[in-house]
Protein backbone atom coordinates (compact mmCIF):
# COMPACT_ATOMS: atom_id res chain seq x y z
CA UNK A 1 -0.06 0.07 0.03
CA UNK A 2 2.78 2.34 0.91
CA UNK A 3 4.61 1.67 -2.39
CA UNK A 4 1.46 2.27 -4.36
CA UNK A 5 1.05 5.71 -2.59
CA UNK A 6 4.63 6.49 -3.30
CA UNK A 7 4.09 5.78 -6.98
CA UNK A 8 0.88 7.99 -7.06
CA UNK A 9 2.78 10.90 -5.23
CA UNK A 10 5.57 10.63 -7.83
CA UNK A 11 3.19 10.75 -10.72
CA UNK A 12 1.36 13.70 -9.27
CA UNK A 13 4.57 15.65 -8.72
CA UNK A 14 5.61 14.98 -12.28
CA UNK A 15 2.55 16.44 -13.75
CA UNK A 16 0.10 15.01 -16.33
CA UNK A 17 1.92 15.64 -19.65
CA UNK A 18 5.27 14.60 -18.24
CA UNK A 19 3.92 11.41 -17.12
CA UNK A 20 2.33 10.86 -20.54
CA UNK A 21 5.78 11.40 -22.10
CA UNK A 22 7.53 8.99 -19.81
CA UNK A 23 4.90 6.28 -20.58
CA UNK A 24 5.08 7.05 -24.31
CA UNK A 25 8.89 6.49 -24.20
CA UNK A 26 8.36 3.02 -22.90
CA UNK A 27 6.18 2.08 -25.94
CA UNK A 28 8.66 0.97 -28.64
CA UNK A 29 6.20 0.77 -31.52
CA UNK A 30 4.89 4.25 -30.75
CA UNK A 31 8.50 5.71 -30.62
CA UNK A 32 9.10 3.89 -34.05
CA UNK A 33 5.85 5.41 -35.37
CA UNK A 34 7.07 8.86 -34.29
CA UNK A 35 10.47 8.67 -35.85
CA UNK A 36 9.16 7.17 -38.99
CA UNK A 37 6.80 10.15 -39.23
CA UNK A 38 9.65 12.60 -38.54
CA UNK A 39 11.70 10.78 -41.45
CA UNK A 40 8.64 11.03 -43.92
CA UNK A 41 8.30 14.72 -43.02
CA UNK A 42 12.00 15.22 -43.57
CA UNK A 43 11.73 13.70 -47.01
CA UNK A 44 8.92 15.92 -47.76
CA UNK A 45 10.93 18.82 -46.76
CA UNK A 46 13.77 17.68 -49.02
CA UNK A 47 11.31 17.41 -51.87
CA UNK A 48 10.21 20.95 -51.44
CA UNK A 49 13.74 22.31 -51.32
CA UNK A 50 15.83 19.94 -53.70
CA UNK A 51 13.53 18.65 -56.40
CA UNK A 52 12.57 20.79 -59.41
CA UNK A 53 9.04 20.38 -60.58
CA UNK A 54 9.65 20.95 -64.28
CA UNK A 55 12.69 19.02 -64.91
CA UNK A 56 12.62 16.07 -62.43
CA UNK A 57 8.84 15.59 -61.77
CA UNK A 58 6.74 16.17 -64.95
CA UNK A 59 9.32 16.25 -67.84
CA UNK A 60 8.77 13.23 -70.01
CA UNK A 61 11.61 11.17 -71.50
CA UNK A 62 10.17 8.50 -73.72
CA UNK A 63 13.50 6.61 -74.28
CA UNK A 64 13.44 5.85 -70.36
CA UNK A 65 9.94 4.69 -70.11
CA UNK A 66 9.16 1.63 -67.92
CA UNK A 67 12.72 1.26 -66.83
CA UNK A 68 13.10 -1.20 -63.78
CA UNK A 69 14.79 0.10 -60.52
CA UNK A 70 18.41 0.82 -61.00
CA UNK A 71 21.19 3.10 -59.75
CA UNK A 72 20.14 5.78 -62.05
CA UNK A 73 16.52 5.46 -61.16
CA UNK A 74 16.27 3.69 -57.77
CA UNK A 75 12.32 3.34 -57.92
CA UNK A 76 12.38 2.82 -61.82
CA UNK A 77 10.50 5.06 -64.31
CA UNK A 78 6.83 5.20 -65.34
CA UNK A 79 4.97 4.95 -68.65
CA UNK A 80 6.19 8.52 -69.53
CA UNK A 81 9.89 8.00 -68.60
CA UNK A 82 9.56 10.09 -65.42
CA UNK A 83 11.61 9.17 -62.39
CA UNK A 84 9.41 7.61 -59.85
CA UNK A 85 11.36 8.37 -56.84
CA UNK A 86 11.48 12.05 -57.58
CA UNK A 87 7.60 11.97 -58.10
CA UNK A 88 6.91 9.93 -54.76
CA UNK A 89 9.10 12.47 -52.73
CA UNK A 90 7.59 15.40 -54.44
CA UNK A 91 4.03 13.98 -54.31
CA UNK A 92 4.49 13.63 -50.44
CA UNK A 93 3.76 17.19 -50.04
CA UNK A 94 0.37 17.01 -51.43
CA UNK A 95 -0.64 13.81 -49.49
CA UNK A 96 0.60 15.11 -46.25
CA UNK A 97 -0.99 18.57 -46.93
CA UNK A 98 -4.35 16.97 -47.64
CA UNK A 99 -4.07 14.90 -44.53
CA UNK A 100 -3.15 17.49 -42.10
CA UNK A 101 -5.27 20.15 -43.54
CA UNK A 102 -8.32 18.01 -43.76
CA UNK A 103 -7.95 17.09 -40.04
CA UNK A 104 -7.35 20.62 -38.97
CA UNK A 105 -10.40 22.10 -40.57
CA UNK A 106 -12.56 19.21 -39.57
CA UNK A 107 -11.24 19.57 -35.89
CA UNK A 108 -11.87 23.31 -35.88
CA UNK A 109 -15.36 23.09 -37.30
CA UNK A 110 -16.48 19.78 -35.63
CA UNK A 111 -14.70 20.79 -32.44
CA UNK A 112 -16.82 24.12 -32.36
CA UNK A 113 -19.85 22.17 -32.92
CA UNK A 114 -19.22 19.59 -30.45
CA UNK A 115 -18.07 22.00 -27.69
CA UNK A 116 -21.11 24.28 -28.09
CA UNK A 117 -23.45 21.25 -28.31
CA UNK A 118 -21.97 19.55 -25.20
CA UNK A 119 -21.48 22.56 -22.94
CA UNK A 120 -24.85 24.31 -23.51
CA UNK A 121 -26.98 21.01 -24.05
CA UNK A 122 -30.71 21.34 -24.31
CA UNK A 123 -32.19 22.54 -27.69
CA UNK A 124 -28.87 23.78 -28.87
CA UNK A 125 -27.47 20.10 -28.43
CA UNK A 126 -30.45 18.67 -30.28
CA UNK A 127 -30.20 21.01 -33.22
CA UNK A 128 -26.49 20.56 -33.81
CA UNK A 129 -26.32 16.79 -33.22
CA UNK A 130 -29.29 16.01 -35.15
CA UNK A 131 -27.63 17.81 -38.24
CA UNK A 132 -24.61 15.83 -37.55
CA UNK A 133 -26.57 12.60 -37.45
CA UNK A 134 -27.89 13.53 -40.91
CA UNK A 135 -24.17 13.97 -42.35
CA UNK A 136 -22.99 10.86 -40.44
CA UNK A 137 -25.81 8.73 -42.12
CA UNK A 138 -24.33 9.38 -45.50
CA UNK A 139 -21.32 7.11 -46.13
CA UNK A 140 -17.94 8.94 -45.80
CA UNK A 141 -16.65 8.01 -49.27
CA UNK A 142 -19.96 8.73 -50.98
CA UNK A 143 -20.35 12.23 -49.28
CA UNK A 144 -16.84 13.16 -50.36
CA UNK A 145 -17.24 11.88 -53.84
CA UNK A 146 -20.57 14.00 -54.11
CA UNK A 147 -18.67 17.08 -52.93
CA UNK A 148 -15.74 16.76 -55.26
CA UNK A 149 -18.02 16.06 -58.17
CA UNK A 150 -19.91 19.18 -57.31
CA UNK A 151 -16.91 21.37 -56.90
CA UNK A 152 -14.58 19.85 -59.42
CA UNK A 153 -11.31 17.93 -58.93
CA UNK A 154 -8.46 20.06 -57.26
CA UNK A 155 -6.23 20.19 -54.22
CA UNK A 156 -8.48 22.69 -52.34
CA UNK A 157 -11.91 20.91 -53.20
CA UNK A 158 -10.26 17.51 -52.18
CA UNK A 159 -9.39 19.15 -48.68
CA UNK A 160 -12.98 20.52 -48.45
CA UNK A 161 -14.54 17.23 -49.20
CA UNK A 162 -12.57 15.20 -46.88
CA UNK A 163 -13.08 17.89 -44.04
CA UNK A 164 -16.73 18.13 -44.42
CA UNK A 165 -17.18 14.36 -44.53
CA UNK A 166 -15.09 14.08 -41.29
CA UNK A 167 -16.75 16.88 -39.39
CA UNK A 168 -19.50 14.82 -37.64
CA UNK A 169 -16.85 12.28 -36.30
CA UNK A 170 -14.93 15.13 -34.62
CA UNK A 171 -18.20 16.96 -33.34
CA UNK A 172 -19.35 13.49 -31.67
CA UNK A 173 -15.89 12.76 -30.17
CA UNK A 174 -15.43 16.29 -28.72
CA UNK A 175 -19.15 16.52 -27.37
CA UNK A 176 -18.52 13.24 -25.51
CA UNK A 177 -15.27 14.64 -24.05
CA UNK A 178 -17.01 18.00 -23.11
CA UNK A 179 -19.82 16.09 -21.38
CA UNK A 180 -17.47 14.19 -19.18
CA UNK A 181 -15.65 17.29 -18.11
CA UNK A 182 -18.41 20.14 -17.75
CA UNK A 183 -19.99 18.73 -14.53
CA UNK A 184 -16.54 18.46 -12.66
CA UNK A 185 -16.07 20.59 -9.49
CA UNK A 186 -13.47 22.85 -10.87
CA UNK A 187 -15.80 24.08 -13.72
CA UNK A 188 -18.83 24.45 -11.34
CA UNK A 189 -16.30 26.48 -9.03
CA UNK A 190 -15.36 28.69 -11.98
CA UNK A 191 -18.91 29.34 -13.01
CA UNK A 192 -19.90 30.14 -9.25
CA UNK A 193 -17.25 32.97 -9.17
CA UNK A 194 -18.63 34.60 -12.27
CA UNK A 195 -16.47 33.42 -15.11
CA UNK A 196 -17.95 33.83 -18.40
CA UNK A 197 -18.88 30.91 -20.70
CA UNK A 198 -16.24 31.58 -23.10
CA UNK A 199 -13.43 31.63 -20.28
CA UNK A 200 -14.96 28.36 -18.74
CA UNK A 201 -14.65 26.71 -22.26
CA UNK A 202 -11.24 28.00 -23.19
CA UNK A 203 -9.58 27.86 -19.68
CA UNK A 204 -11.10 24.64 -18.00
CA UNK A 205 -13.18 22.59 -20.39
CA UNK A 206 -11.05 22.12 -23.55
CA UNK A 207 -7.72 21.82 -22.03
CA UNK A 208 -9.15 18.98 -19.89
CA UNK A 209 -10.63 17.44 -22.97
CA UNK A 210 -7.55 17.32 -25.22
CA UNK A 211 -6.56 13.65 -24.46
CA UNK A 212 -9.23 11.95 -26.68
CA UNK A 213 -9.00 14.74 -29.21
CA UNK A 214 -5.32 14.53 -29.82
CA UNK A 215 -5.51 10.60 -30.28
CA UNK A 216 -8.52 10.96 -32.69
CA UNK A 217 -6.70 13.67 -34.84
CA UNK A 218 -3.61 11.66 -34.98
CA UNK A 219 -5.28 8.54 -36.28
CA UNK A 220 -7.53 10.89 -38.53
CA UNK A 221 -4.57 12.09 -40.56
CA UNK A 222 -3.93 8.66 -41.65
CA UNK A 223 -7.47 8.00 -42.52
CA UNK A 224 -7.60 11.23 -44.51
CA UNK A 225 -4.58 10.43 -46.49
CA UNK A 226 -6.14 7.07 -47.47
CA UNK A 227 -9.36 9.01 -48.50
CA UNK A 228 -7.50 11.45 -50.66
CA UNK A 229 -5.51 8.60 -52.28
CA UNK A 230 -8.71 6.60 -52.87
CA UNK A 231 -10.46 9.80 -54.47
CA UNK A 232 -7.33 10.57 -56.52
CA UNK A 233 -7.32 6.95 -57.74
CA UNK A 234 -10.88 7.52 -58.91
CA UNK A 235 -9.84 10.61 -60.76
CA UNK A 236 -11.43 12.97 -58.41
CA UNK A 237 -8.30 14.41 -56.75
CA UNK A 238 -5.26 16.16 -57.93
CA UNK A 239 -5.03 15.97 -61.76
CA UNK A 240 -1.98 14.63 -63.74
CA UNK A 241 0.80 15.40 -64.37
CA UNK A 242 1.08 16.72 -60.72
CA UNK A 243 2.09 13.77 -58.58
CA UNK A 244 -0.08 12.52 -55.61
CA UNK A 245 0.29 9.06 -54.40
CA UNK A 246 -3.22 8.11 -55.17
CA UNK A 247 -3.14 9.52 -58.59
CA UNK A 248 0.29 7.84 -59.12
CA UNK A 249 -1.41 4.48 -58.45
CA UNK A 250 -4.20 5.35 -60.92
CA UNK A 251 -1.72 6.18 -63.58
CA UNK A 252 0.35 2.97 -62.99
CA UNK A 253 -2.67 0.42 -62.95
CA UNK A 254 -2.27 0.00 -66.71
CA UNK A 255 1.25 -1.23 -66.50
CA UNK A 256 0.98 -3.24 -63.04
CA UNK A 257 1.39 -6.55 -64.81
CA UNK A 258 4.57 -5.99 -66.54
CA UNK A 259 6.05 -2.91 -64.49
CA UNK A 260 4.71 -3.47 -60.96
CA UNK A 261 7.18 -0.87 -59.55
CA UNK A 262 5.18 1.73 -60.88
CA UNK A 263 2.43 1.07 -58.22
CA UNK A 264 4.67 -0.60 -55.56
CA UNK A 265 6.46 2.44 -54.38
CA UNK A 266 3.71 5.00 -54.19
CA UNK A 267 1.65 2.25 -52.28
CA UNK A 268 4.49 1.67 -49.94
CA UNK A 269 4.63 5.46 -49.33
CA UNK A 270 0.96 5.47 -48.35
CA UNK A 271 1.44 2.26 -46.23
CA UNK A 272 4.42 3.60 -44.16
CA UNK A 273 2.79 7.00 -43.62
CA UNK A 274 -0.62 5.47 -42.47
CA UNK A 275 1.48 2.84 -40.47
CA UNK A 276 3.51 5.51 -38.72
CA UNK A 277 0.34 7.73 -37.83
CA UNK A 278 -1.50 4.61 -36.43
CA UNK A 279 1.47 3.51 -34.28
CA UNK A 280 1.86 7.17 -33.07
CA UNK A 281 -1.91 7.38 -32.27
CA UNK A 282 -2.05 4.00 -30.63
CA UNK A 283 0.88 5.02 -28.55
CA UNK A 284 -0.54 8.35 -27.53
CA UNK A 285 -3.94 6.61 -26.68
CA UNK A 286 -2.26 4.07 -24.41
CA UNK A 287 -0.12 6.80 -22.87
CA UNK A 288 -2.94 9.34 -22.19
CA UNK A 289 -5.67 6.87 -21.00
CA UNK A 290 -5.59 6.64 -17.25
CA UNK A 291 -6.76 3.24 -17.26
CA UNK A 292 -3.65 1.98 -18.86
CA UNK A 293 -1.07 3.66 -16.71
CA UNK A 294 0.11 0.41 -15.30
C-alpha cells in the first residue's frame, strides 16, 4: 500500500503531460511510429527544397519509359519515362498537406460544434447533433465523392470534401469529451465565481478534453491520406501530371502486370505513412488513457 501511494505521489509531482511522455517513451512501437513520421516529414521537406518540378517531376523522356529500378532510377520510371523516386518524394507534399489540412479544418469546425452542443446542451445540443446525425448517415466516401464532383477535382476541393465528410466524427468525439468534463467541480467553481462561458470553455473545459481529441486527430490524418488517395485513384483528386500518391497508383494500374514498381513504391509510401500515424496514435492513446497507466 505504501509503495502504491509513493508511485501515485511521484506521478502527481511529475505532472500529467510529463507522465504521458515517460509512458510514451516505454512504448517501442509508438516511438518507432514517431521517428518514421519525422523521417517522412524530412523527406517531404527535401522534396520541397531540392527537387525541381519542371525537370525532375513532370518532364517526359520516352526513351526511359518503364525502366526497372536501377542506380540511376532507384524506383524505376513510369510510362512517360519520369523518375518515380522524384515523383514519390515530391508527391508527399500533397498527400501530407491533404491529410493534415483536412483534419485541421474538420477539427476546428467539428470541435466548435461539439463544444457548443456539449456545453450548452438542451435545444442547442439537439439541433447541432441531429444535423451531425444526418451527415454521418451518409457514407464517408459517398459524401466526399459527391462534394468533389460538385466542386470539381482540385487540391482545395479535395481538402474541403474530406473535411466536410469528417466533421461529424470530430463533433461527436469532442461533445462526448465535453460532457465528461463540464460537470466537474473545478468547472462549477469557475461558474460560481462569475467566469464567462467563453472563459470556462477555453480555460477549463477544452484543456481537460484534449486527450481523446489528440488521439483521434492523429489517427484521422492517416485516414484522410487514405481517403485522398482513394479519391485521386478514382480521378477526383489532384489531376496529372502533378504527382499525388493516389493519382500515381491510378496512372500505373495499366502497367501493373509488367512494370509493378510503378504502383509498388507509391503504395509503400501510403502504407508507411499511415502505419507511422497509426502507431503514433495508438501509443498516444495508451499513454494518455489513465486506465492504462500500469
